[in-house]
Amino acid sequence: VEGGNHLDSLVDVHPDRLKPMLPAFRAAFEELAGW
C-alpha cells in the first residue's frame, strides 16, 4: 500500500503524505471472501 504507515492515526497528522490502511484492509477482506 503506497504511502501506508503502521498507524492510521498518523494520517490525521500528515494527510498529504500518508494513506490510511483501513480501506485497503476492507478491500482485501472482500477480495478474500470472493477468492
Full PDB file with SEQRES, HELIX, SHEET, SSBOND, CRYST1, ORIGX, SCALE, CONECT and MASTER records, all heavy atoms in Angstrom:
SEQRES   1 A   35  VAL GLU GLY GLY ASN HIS LEU ASP SER LEU VAL ASP VAL          
SEQRES   2 A   35  HIS PRO ASP ARG LEU LYS PRO MET LEU PRO ALA PHE ARG          
SEQRES   3 A   35  ALA ALA PHE GLU GLU LEU ALA GLY TRP                          
HELIX    1 AA1 ASP A    8  VAL A   11  5                                   4    
HELIX    2 AA2 LEU A   22  GLY A   34  1                                  13    
CRYST1    1.000    1.000    1.000  90.00  90.00  90.00 P 1           1          
ORIGX1      1.000000  0.000000  0.000000        0.00000                         
ORIGX2      0.000000  1.000000  0.000000        0.00000                         
ORIGX3      0.000000  0.000000  1.000000        0.00000                         
SCALE1      1.000000  0.000000  0.000000        0.00000                         
SCALE2      0.000000  1.000000  0.000000        0.00000                         
SCALE3      0.000000  0.000000  1.000000        0.00000                         
ATOM      1  N   VAL A   1       0.851  -1.188   0.000  1.00  0.00           N  
ATOM      2  CA  VAL A   1       0.000   0.000   0.000  1.00  0.00           C  
ATOM      3  C   VAL A   1       0.888   1.240   0.000  1.00  0.00           C  
ATOM      4  O   VAL A   1       1.538   1.555   1.004  1.00  0.00           O  
ATOM      5  CB  VAL A   1      -0.945   0.004   1.224  1.00  0.00           C  
ATOM      6  CG1 VAL A   1      -1.845   1.233   1.194  1.00  0.00           C  
ATOM      7  CG2 VAL A   1      -1.783  -1.283   1.244  1.00  0.00           C  
ATOM      8  N   GLU A   2       0.937   1.921  -1.132  1.00  0.00           N  
ATOM      9  CA  GLU A   2       1.792   3.089  -1.255  1.00  0.00           C  
ATOM     10  C   GLU A   2       1.351   4.189  -0.285  1.00  0.00           C  
ATOM     11  O   GLU A   2       0.184   4.579  -0.251  1.00  0.00           O  
ATOM     12  CB  GLU A   2       1.759   3.625  -2.686  1.00  0.00           C  
ATOM     13  CG  GLU A   2       2.388   2.704  -3.714  1.00  0.00           C  
ATOM     14  CD  GLU A   2       3.880   2.504  -3.490  1.00  0.00           C  
ATOM     15  OE1 GLU A   2       4.540   3.453  -3.009  1.00  0.00           O  
ATOM     16  OE2 GLU A   2       4.388   1.388  -3.783  1.00  0.00           O  
ATOM     17  N   GLY A   3       2.296   4.658   0.525  1.00  0.00           N  
ATOM     18  CA  GLY A   3       2.003   5.724   1.478  1.00  0.00           C  
ATOM     19  C   GLY A   3       1.359   5.254   2.763  1.00  0.00           C  
ATOM     20  O   GLY A   3       1.010   6.075   3.619  1.00  0.00           O  
ATOM     21  N   GLY A   4       1.204   3.951   2.940  1.00  0.00           N  
ATOM     22  CA  GLY A   4       0.623   3.431   4.177  1.00  0.00           C  
ATOM     23  C   GLY A   4       1.650   3.362   5.287  1.00  0.00           C  
ATOM     24  O   GLY A   4       2.825   3.052   5.050  1.00  0.00           O  
ATOM     25  N   ASN A   5       1.235   3.659   6.517  1.00  0.00           N  
ATOM     26  CA  ASN A   5       2.099   3.607   7.689  1.00  0.00           C  
ATOM     27  C   ASN A   5       1.549   2.559   8.650  1.00  0.00           C  
ATOM     28  O   ASN A   5       0.451   2.031   8.466  1.00  0.00           O  
ATOM     29  CB  ASN A   5       2.179   4.985   8.358  1.00  0.00           C  
ATOM     30  CG  ASN A   5       3.073   4.988   9.584  1.00  0.00           C  
ATOM     31  OD1 ASN A   5       4.205   4.540   9.523  1.00  0.00           O  
ATOM     32  ND2 ASN A   5       2.563   5.479  10.695  1.00  0.00           N  
ATOM     33  N   HIS A   6       2.292   2.278   9.704  1.00  0.00           N  
ATOM     34  CA  HIS A   6       1.845   1.279  10.673  1.00  0.00           C  
ATOM     35  C   HIS A   6       0.634   1.751  11.458  1.00  0.00           C  
ATOM     36  O   HIS A   6      -0.203   0.933  11.860  1.00  0.00           O  
ATOM     37  CB  HIS A   6       2.990   0.944  11.629  1.00  0.00           C  
ATOM     38  CG  HIS A   6       2.866  -0.387  12.277  1.00  0.00           C  
ATOM     39  ND1 HIS A   6       3.120  -1.575  11.617  1.00  0.00           N  
ATOM     40  CD2 HIS A   6       2.502  -0.749  13.537  1.00  0.00           C  
ATOM     41  CE1 HIS A   6       2.932  -2.591  12.429  1.00  0.00           C  
ATOM     42  NE2 HIS A   6       2.545  -2.121  13.604  1.00  0.00           N  
ATOM     43  N   LEU A   7       0.529   3.069  11.691  1.00  0.00           N  
ATOM     44  CA  LEU A   7      -0.560   3.629  12.499  1.00  0.00           C  
ATOM     45  C   LEU A   7      -1.409   4.563  11.641  1.00  0.00           C  
ATOM     46  O   LEU A   7      -0.926   5.594  11.182  1.00  0.00           O  
ATOM     47  CB  LEU A   7      -0.004   4.399  13.690  1.00  0.00           C  
ATOM     48  CG  LEU A   7       0.825   3.607  14.698  1.00  0.00           C  
ATOM     49  CD1 LEU A   7       1.511   4.555  15.663  1.00  0.00           C  
ATOM     50  CD2 LEU A   7      -0.041   2.613  15.437  1.00  0.00           C  
ATOM     51  N   ASP A   8      -2.678   4.224  11.455  1.00  0.00           N  
ATOM     52  CA  ASP A   8      -3.562   5.094  10.677  1.00  0.00           C  
ATOM     53  C   ASP A   8      -3.816   6.435  11.358  1.00  0.00           C  
ATOM     54  O   ASP A   8      -4.192   7.408  10.701  1.00  0.00           O  
ATOM     55  CB  ASP A   8      -4.896   4.396  10.410  1.00  0.00           C  
ATOM     56  CG  ASP A   8      -4.914   3.660   9.080  1.00  0.00           C  
ATOM     57  OD1 ASP A   8      -3.849   3.563   8.435  1.00  0.00           O  
ATOM     58  OD2 ASP A   8      -5.988   3.175   8.682  1.00  0.00           O  
ATOM     59  N   SER A   9      -3.619   6.510  12.663  1.00  0.00           N  
ATOM     60  CA  SER A   9      -3.843   7.779  13.355  1.00  0.00           C  
ATOM     61  C   SER A   9      -2.890   8.861  12.864  1.00  0.00           C  
ATOM     62  O   SER A   9      -3.211  10.061  12.927  1.00  0.00           O  
ATOM     63  CB  SER A   9      -3.697   7.605  14.860  1.00  0.00           C  
ATOM     64  OG  SER A   9      -2.417   7.088  15.186  1.00  0.00           O  
ATOM     65  N   LEU A  10      -1.739   8.481  12.340  1.00  0.00           N  
ATOM     66  CA  LEU A  10      -0.784   9.473  11.846  1.00  0.00           C  
ATOM     67  C   LEU A  10      -1.219  10.087  10.521  1.00  0.00           C  
ATOM     68  O   LEU A  10      -0.654  11.100  10.100  1.00  0.00           O  
ATOM     69  CB  LEU A  10       0.602   8.849  11.712  1.00  0.00           C  
ATOM     70  CG  LEU A  10       1.304   8.535  13.036  1.00  0.00           C  
ATOM     71  CD1 LEU A  10       2.681   7.942  12.797  1.00  0.00           C  
ATOM     72  CD2 LEU A  10       1.415   9.776  13.914  1.00  0.00           C  
ATOM     73  N   VAL A  11      -2.226   9.490   9.878  1.00  0.00           N  
ATOM     74  CA  VAL A  11      -2.784  10.109   8.672  1.00  0.00           C  
ATOM     75  C   VAL A  11      -3.381  11.472   9.015  1.00  0.00           C  
ATOM     76  O   VAL A  11      -3.340  12.410   8.209  1.00  0.00           O  
ATOM     77  CB  VAL A  11      -3.852   9.192   8.034  1.00  0.00           C  
ATOM     78  CG1 VAL A  11      -4.537   9.885   6.853  1.00  0.00           C  
ATOM     79  CG2 VAL A  11      -3.217   7.880   7.582  1.00  0.00           C  
ATOM     80  N   ASP A  12      -3.923  11.607  10.212  1.00  0.00           N  
ATOM     81  CA  ASP A  12      -4.509  12.879  10.633  1.00  0.00           C  
ATOM     82  C   ASP A  12      -3.446  13.963  10.789  1.00  0.00           C  
ATOM     83  O   ASP A  12      -3.725  15.146  10.622  1.00  0.00           O  
ATOM     84  CB  ASP A  12      -5.256  12.700  11.959  1.00  0.00           C  
ATOM     85  CG  ASP A  12      -6.338  11.645  11.885  1.00  0.00           C  
ATOM     86  OD1 ASP A  12      -6.919  11.476  10.803  1.00  0.00           O  
ATOM     87  OD2 ASP A  12      -6.583  10.976  12.909  1.00  0.00           O  
ATOM     88  N   VAL A  13      -2.234  13.547  11.106  1.00  0.00           N  
ATOM     89  CA  VAL A  13      -1.136  14.496  11.294  1.00  0.00           C  
ATOM     90  C   VAL A  13      -0.487  14.842   9.953  1.00  0.00           C  
ATOM     91  O   VAL A  13      -0.039  15.973   9.745  1.00  0.00           O  
ATOM     92  CB  VAL A  13      -0.083  13.912  12.258  1.00  0.00           C  
ATOM     93  CG1 VAL A  13       1.037  14.912  12.517  1.00  0.00           C  
ATOM     94  CG2 VAL A  13      -0.737  13.485  13.568  1.00  0.00           C  
ATOM     95  N   HIS A  14      -0.463  13.853   9.042  1.00  0.00           N  
ATOM     96  CA  HIS A  14       0.193  14.042   7.743  1.00  0.00           C  
ATOM     97  C   HIS A  14      -0.761  13.633   6.608  1.00  0.00           C  
ATOM     98  O   HIS A  14      -0.467  12.702   5.847  1.00  0.00           O  
ATOM     99  CB  HIS A  14       1.467  13.197   7.672  1.00  0.00           C  
ATOM    100  CG  HIS A  14       2.443  13.456   8.774  1.00  0.00           C  
ATOM    101  ND1 HIS A  14       3.235  14.580   8.823  1.00  0.00           N  
ATOM    102  CD2 HIS A  14       2.756  12.718   9.881  1.00  0.00           C  
ATOM    103  CE1 HIS A  14       3.999  14.538   9.901  1.00  0.00           C  
ATOM    104  NE2 HIS A  14       3.735  13.428  10.566  1.00  0.00           N  
ATOM    105  N   PRO A  15      -1.888  14.302   6.477  1.00  0.00           N  
ATOM    106  CA  PRO A  15      -2.880  13.873   5.485  1.00  0.00           C  
ATOM    107  C   PRO A  15      -2.398  13.988   4.038  1.00  0.00           C  
ATOM    108  O   PRO A  15      -2.917  13.287   3.162  1.00  0.00           O  
ATOM    109  CB  PRO A  15      -4.059  14.822   5.738  1.00  0.00           C  
ATOM    110  CG  PRO A  15      -3.448  16.032   6.369  1.00  0.00           C  
ATOM    111  CD  PRO A  15      -2.323  15.504   7.208  1.00  0.00           C  
ATOM    112  N   ASP A  16      -1.401  14.820   3.793  1.00  0.00           N  
ATOM    113  CA  ASP A  16      -0.890  14.990   2.436  1.00  0.00           C  
ATOM    114  C   ASP A  16       0.233  14.013   2.113  1.00  0.00           C  
ATOM    115  O   ASP A  16       0.688  13.941   0.957  1.00  0.00           O  
ATOM    116  CB  ASP A  16      -0.395  16.425   2.232  1.00  0.00           C  
ATOM    117  CG  ASP A  16       0.667  16.823   3.258  1.00  0.00           C  
ATOM    118  OD1 ASP A  16       0.696  16.208   4.356  1.00  0.00           O  
ATOM    119  OD2 ASP A  16       1.456  17.738   2.964  1.00  0.00           O  
ATOM    120  N   ARG A  17       0.678  13.245   3.098  1.00  0.00           N  
ATOM    121  CA  ARG A  17       1.810  12.340   2.890  1.00  0.00           C  
ATOM    122  C   ARG A  17       1.483  10.877   3.120  1.00  0.00           C  
ATOM    123  O   ARG A  17       2.181  10.000   2.619  1.00  0.00           O  
ATOM    124  CB  ARG A  17       2.961  12.734   3.821  1.00  0.00           C  
ATOM    125  CG  ARG A  17       3.619  14.053   3.468  1.00  0.00           C  
ATOM    126  CD  ARG A  17       4.723  14.358   4.471  1.00  0.00           C  
ATOM    127  NE  ARG A  17       5.649  15.359   3.985  1.00  0.00           N  
ATOM    128  CZ  ARG A  17       6.756  15.737   4.603  1.00  0.00           C  
ATOM    129  NH1 ARG A  17       7.079  15.168   5.769  1.00  0.00           N  
ATOM    130  NH2 ARG A  17       7.540  16.653   4.101  1.00  0.00           N  
ATOM    131  N   LEU A  18       0.448  10.607   3.914  1.00  0.00           N  
ATOM    132  CA  LEU A  18       0.129   9.230   4.279  1.00  0.00           C  
ATOM    133  C   LEU A  18      -1.241   8.819   3.762  1.00  0.00           C  
ATOM    134  O   LEU A  18      -2.152   9.643   3.650  1.00  0.00           O  
ATOM    135  CB  LEU A  18       0.161   9.057   5.803  1.00  0.00           C  
ATOM    136  CG  LEU A  18       1.521   9.224   6.481  1.00  0.00           C  
ATOM    137  CD1 LEU A  18       1.380   9.093   7.993  1.00  0.00           C  
ATOM    138  CD2 LEU A  18       2.527   8.201   5.947  1.00  0.00           C  
ATOM    139  N   LYS A  19      -1.369   7.527   3.513  1.00  0.00           N  
ATOM    140  CA  LYS A  19      -2.628   6.941   3.052  1.00  0.00           C  
ATOM    141  C   LYS A  19      -3.129   5.980   4.125  1.00  0.00           C  
ATOM    142  O   LYS A  19      -2.354   5.149   4.615  1.00  0.00           O  
ATOM    143  CB  LYS A  19      -2.411   6.182   1.738  1.00  0.00           C  
ATOM    144  CG  LYS A  19      -3.649   5.529   1.173  1.00  0.00           C  
ATOM    145  CD  LYS A  19      -3.322   4.832  -0.142  1.00  0.00           C  
ATOM    146  CE  LYS A  19      -4.551   4.156  -0.732  1.00  0.00           C  
ATOM    147  NZ  LYS A  19      -4.227   3.488  -2.033  1.00  0.00           N  
ATOM    148  N   PRO A  20      -4.404   6.054   4.515  1.00  0.00           N  
ATOM    149  CA  PRO A  20      -4.902   5.132   5.544  1.00  0.00           C  
ATOM    150  C   PRO A  20      -4.906   3.688   5.051  1.00  0.00           C  
ATOM    151  O   PRO A  20      -5.202   3.410   3.887  1.00  0.00           O  
ATOM    152  CB  PRO A  20      -6.316   5.643   5.829  1.00  0.00           C  
ATOM    153  CG  PRO A  20      -6.711   6.379   4.598  1.00  0.00           C  
ATOM    154  CD  PRO A  20      -5.447   6.987   4.055  1.00  0.00           C  
ATOM    155  N   MET A  21      -4.593   2.782   5.947  1.00  0.00           N  
ATOM    156  CA  MET A  21      -4.557   1.360   5.627  1.00  0.00           C  
ATOM    157  C   MET A  21      -5.920   0.692   5.751  1.00  0.00           C  
ATOM    158  O   MET A  21      -6.170  -0.332   5.115  1.00  0.00           O  
ATOM    159  CB  MET A  21      -3.573   0.654   6.566  1.00  0.00           C  
ATOM    160  CG  MET A  21      -2.125   1.060   6.404  1.00  0.00           C  
ATOM    161  SD  MET A  21      -1.386   0.458   4.875  1.00  0.00           S  
ATOM    162  CE  MET A  21      -1.389  -1.318   5.188  1.00  0.00           C  
ATOM    163  N   LEU A  22      -6.808   1.255   6.585  1.00  0.00           N  
ATOM    164  CA  LEU A  22      -8.083   0.587   6.844  1.00  0.00           C  
ATOM    165  C   LEU A  22      -8.901   0.339   5.572  1.00  0.00           C  
ATOM    166  O   LEU A  22      -9.444  -0.766   5.408  1.00  0.00           O  
ATOM    167  CB  LEU A  22      -8.895   1.372   7.866  1.00  0.00           C  
ATOM    168  CG  LEU A  22     -10.230   0.755   8.300  1.00  0.00           C  
ATOM    169  CD1 LEU A  22     -10.043  -0.661   8.819  1.00  0.00           C  
ATOM    170  CD2 LEU A  22     -10.900   1.625   9.367  1.00  0.00           C  
ATOM    171  N   PRO A  23      -9.033   1.302   4.647  1.00  0.00           N  
ATOM    172  CA  PRO A  23      -9.768   0.992   3.416  1.00  0.00           C  
ATOM    173  C   PRO A  23      -9.138  -0.159   2.632  1.00  0.00           C  
ATOM    174  O   PRO A  23      -9.858  -0.972   2.027  1.00  0.00           O  
ATOM    175  CB  PRO A  23      -9.710   2.304   2.633  1.00  0.00           C  
ATOM    176  CG  PRO A  23      -9.547   3.354   3.674  1.00  0.00           C  
ATOM    177  CD  PRO A  23      -8.665   2.728   4.713  1.00  0.00           C  
ATOM    178  N   ALA A  24      -7.814  -0.237   2.644  1.00  0.00           N  
ATOM    179  CA  ALA A  24      -7.141  -1.332   1.952  1.00  0.00           C  
ATOM    180  C   ALA A  24      -7.433  -2.668   2.631  1.00  0.00           C  
ATOM    181  O   ALA A  24      -7.583  -3.701   1.960  1.00  0.00           O  
ATOM    182  CB  ALA A  24      -5.636  -1.075   1.913  1.00  0.00           C  
ATOM    183  N   PHE A  25      -7.525  -2.644   3.971  1.00  0.00           N  
ATOM    184  CA  PHE A  25      -7.883  -3.874   4.680  1.00  0.00           C  
ATOM    185  C   PHE A  25      -9.291  -4.328   4.294  1.00  0.00           C  
ATOM    186  O   PHE A  25      -9.526  -5.515   4.034  1.00  0.00           O  
ATOM    187  CB  PHE A  25      -7.803  -3.669   6.192  1.00  0.00           C  
ATOM    188  CG  PHE A  25      -8.453  -4.776   6.972  1.00  0.00           C  
ATOM    189  CD1 PHE A  25      -7.799  -5.975   7.166  1.00  0.00           C  
ATOM    190  CD2 PHE A  25      -9.749  -4.626   7.479  1.00  0.00           C  
ATOM    191  CE1 PHE A  25      -8.410  -7.018   7.861  1.00  0.00           C  
ATOM    192  CE2 PHE A  25     -10.362  -5.658   8.169  1.00  0.00           C  
ATOM    193  CZ  PHE A  25      -9.693  -6.854   8.363  1.00  0.00           C  
ATOM    194  N   ARG A  26     -10.228  -3.404   4.281  1.00  0.00           N  
ATOM    195  CA  ARG A  26     -11.598  -3.779   3.943  1.00  0.00           C  
ATOM    196  C   ARG A  26     -11.697  -4.321   2.520  1.00  0.00           C  
ATOM    197  O   ARG A  26     -12.411  -5.304   2.263  1.00  0.00           O  
ATOM    198  CB  ARG A  26     -12.515  -2.571   4.142  1.00  0.00           C  
ATOM    199  CG  ARG A  26     -12.672  -2.197   5.615  1.00  0.00           C  
ATOM    200  CD  ARG A  26     -13.485  -0.926   5.822  1.00  0.00           C  
ATOM    201  NE  ARG A  26     -13.683  -0.659   7.244  1.00  0.00           N  
ATOM    202  CZ  ARG A  26     -14.279   0.405   7.737  1.00  0.00           C  
ATOM    203  NH1 ARG A  26     -14.756   1.349   6.924  1.00  0.00           N  
ATOM    204  NH2 ARG A  26     -14.413   0.568   9.049  1.00  0.00           N  
ATOM    205  N   ALA A  27     -10.966  -3.713   1.606  1.00  0.00           N  
ATOM    206  CA  ALA A  27     -10.948  -4.212   0.227  1.00  0.00           C  
ATOM    207  C   ALA A  27     -10.330  -5.603   0.167  1.00  0.00           C  
ATOM    208  O   ALA A  27     -10.801  -6.480  -0.570  1.00  0.00           O  
ATOM    209  CB  ALA A  27     -10.198  -3.235  -0.674  1.00  0.00           C  
ATOM    210  N   ALA A  28      -9.253  -5.812   0.936  1.00  0.00           N  
ATOM    211  CA  ALA A  28      -8.604  -7.116   0.954  1.00  0.00           C  
ATOM    212  C   ALA A  28      -9.514  -8.181   1.545  1.00  0.00           C  
ATOM    213  O   ALA A  28      -9.537  -9.332   1.076  1.00  0.00           O  
ATOM    214  CB  ALA A  28      -7.301  -7.035   1.749  1.00  0.00           C  
ATOM    215  N   PHE A  29     -10.272  -7.820   2.568  1.00  0.00           N  
ATOM    216  CA  PHE A  29     -11.204  -8.778   3.162  1.00  0.00           C  
ATOM    217  C   PHE A  29     -12.269  -9.191   2.154  1.00  0.00           C  
ATOM    218  O   PHE A  29     -12.592 -10.383   2.023  1.00  0.00           O  
ATOM    219  CB  PHE A  29     -11.844  -8.184   4.412  1.00  0.00           C  
ATOM    220  CG  PHE A  29     -12.629  -9.182   5.214  1.00  0.00           C  
ATOM    221  CD1 PHE A  29     -12.044  -9.848   6.279  1.00  0.00           C  
ATOM    222  CD2 PHE A  29     -13.944  -9.495   4.896  1.00  0.00           C  
ATOM    223  CE1 PHE A  29     -12.760 -10.790   7.016  1.00  0.00           C  
ATOM    224  CE2 PHE A  29     -14.665 -10.429   5.620  1.00  0.00           C  
ATOM    225  CZ  PHE A  29     -14.062 -11.087   6.683  1.00  0.00           C  
ATOM    226  N   GLU A  30     -12.810  -8.227   1.433  1.00  0.00           N  
ATOM    227  CA  GLU A  30     -13.798  -8.541   0.392  1.00  0.00           C  
ATOM    228  C   GLU A  30     -13.166  -9.411  -0.687  1.00  0.00           C  
ATOM    229  O   GLU A  30     -13.804 -10.339  -1.216  1.00  0.00           O  
ATOM    230  CB  GLU A  30     -14.347  -7.250  -0.210  1.00  0.00           C  
ATOM    231  CG  GLU A  30     -15.154  -6.393   0.745  1.00  0.00           C  
ATOM    232  CD  GLU A  30     -16.601  -6.860   0.892  1.00  0.00           C  
ATOM    233  OE1 GLU A  30     -16.843  -8.086   0.900  1.00  0.00           O  
ATOM    234  OE2 GLU A  30     -17.478  -5.997   1.017  1.00  0.00           O  
ATOM    235  N   GLU A  31     -11.931  -9.120  -1.022  1.00  0.00           N  
ATOM    236  CA  GLU A  31     -11.216  -9.921  -2.011  1.00  0.00           C  
ATOM    237  C   GLU A  31     -11.063 -11.363  -1.533  1.00  0.00           C  
ATOM    238  O   GLU A  31     -11.262 -12.316  -2.301  1.00  0.00           O  
ATOM    239  CB  GLU A  31      -9.844  -9.304  -2.284  1.00  0.00           C  
ATOM    240  CG  GLU A  31      -9.007 -10.074  -3.279  1.00  0.00           C  
ATOM    241  CD  GLU A  31      -7.608  -9.493  -3.449  1.00  0.00           C  
ATOM    242  OE1 GLU A  31      -7.364  -8.367  -2.938  1.00  0.00           O  
ATOM    243  OE2 GLU A  31      -6.772 -10.157  -4.081  1.00  0.00           O  
ATOM    244  N   LEU A  32     -10.705 -11.525  -0.260  1.00  0.00           N  
ATOM    245  CA  LEU A  32     -10.561 -12.871   0.291  1.00  0.00           C  
ATOM    246  C   LEU A  32     -11.877 -13.633   0.242  1.00  0.00           C  
ATOM    247  O   LEU A  32     -11.925 -14.808  -0.149  1.00  0.00           O  
ATOM    248  CB  LEU A  32     -10.062 -12.798   1.723  1.00  0.00           C  
ATOM    249  CG  LEU A  32      -9.956 -14.125   2.465  1.00  0.00           C  
ATOM    250  CD1 LEU A  32      -8.863 -14.997   1.864  1.00  0.00           C  
ATOM    251  CD2 LEU A  32      -9.704 -13.913   3.962  1.00  0.00           C  
ATOM    252  N   ALA A  33     -12.974 -12.961   0.645  1.00  0.00           N  
ATOM    253  CA  ALA A  33     -14.278 -13.621   0.636  1.00  0.00           C  
ATOM    254  C   ALA A  33     -14.644 -14.100  -0.763  1.00  0.00           C  
ATOM    255  O   ALA A  33     -15.187 -15.189  -0.951  1.00  0.00           O  
ATOM    256  CB  ALA A  33     -15.344 -12.666   1.180  1.00  0.00           C  
ATOM    257  N   GLY A  34     -14.354 -13.271  -1.772  1.00  0.00           N  
ATOM    258  CA  GLY A  34     -14.632 -13.676  -3.150  1.00  0.00           C  
ATOM    259  C   GLY A  34     -13.705 -14.774  -3.628  1.00  0.00           C  
ATOM    260  O   GLY A  34     -14.118 -15.663  -4.382  1.00  0.00           O  
ATOM    261  N   TRP A  35     -12.468 -14.742  -3.169  1.00  0.00           N  
ATOM    262  CA  TRP A  35     -11.471 -15.725  -3.587  1.00  0.00           C  
ATOM    263  C   TRP A  35     -11.839 -17.136  -3.130  1.00  0.00           C  
ATOM    264  O   TRP A  35     -11.711 -18.100  -3.892  1.00  0.00           O  
ATOM    265  CB  TRP A  35     -10.118 -15.296  -3.011  1.00  0.00           C  
ATOM    266  CG  TRP A  35      -8.930 -16.140  -3.339  1.00  0.00           C  
ATOM    267  CD1 TRP A  35      -8.835 -17.159  -4.238  1.00  0.00           C  
ATOM    268  CD2 TRP A  35      -7.625 -16.014  -2.743  1.00  0.00           C  
ATOM    269  NE1 TRP A  35      -7.567 -17.666  -4.255  1.00  0.00           N  
ATOM    270  CE2 TRP A  35      -6.811 -16.991  -3.359  1.00  0.00           C  
ATOM    271  CE3 TRP A  35      -7.097 -15.175  -1.770  1.00  0.00           C  
ATOM    272  CZ2 TRP A  35      -5.458 -17.140  -3.007  1.00  0.00           C  
ATOM    273  CZ3 TRP A  35      -5.769 -15.317  -1.435  1.00  0.00           C  
ATOM    274  CH2 TRP A  35      -4.954 -16.301  -2.048  1.00  0.00           C  
TER     275      TRP A  35                                                      
MASTER        0    0    0    2    0    0    0    6  274    1    0    3          
END                                                                             
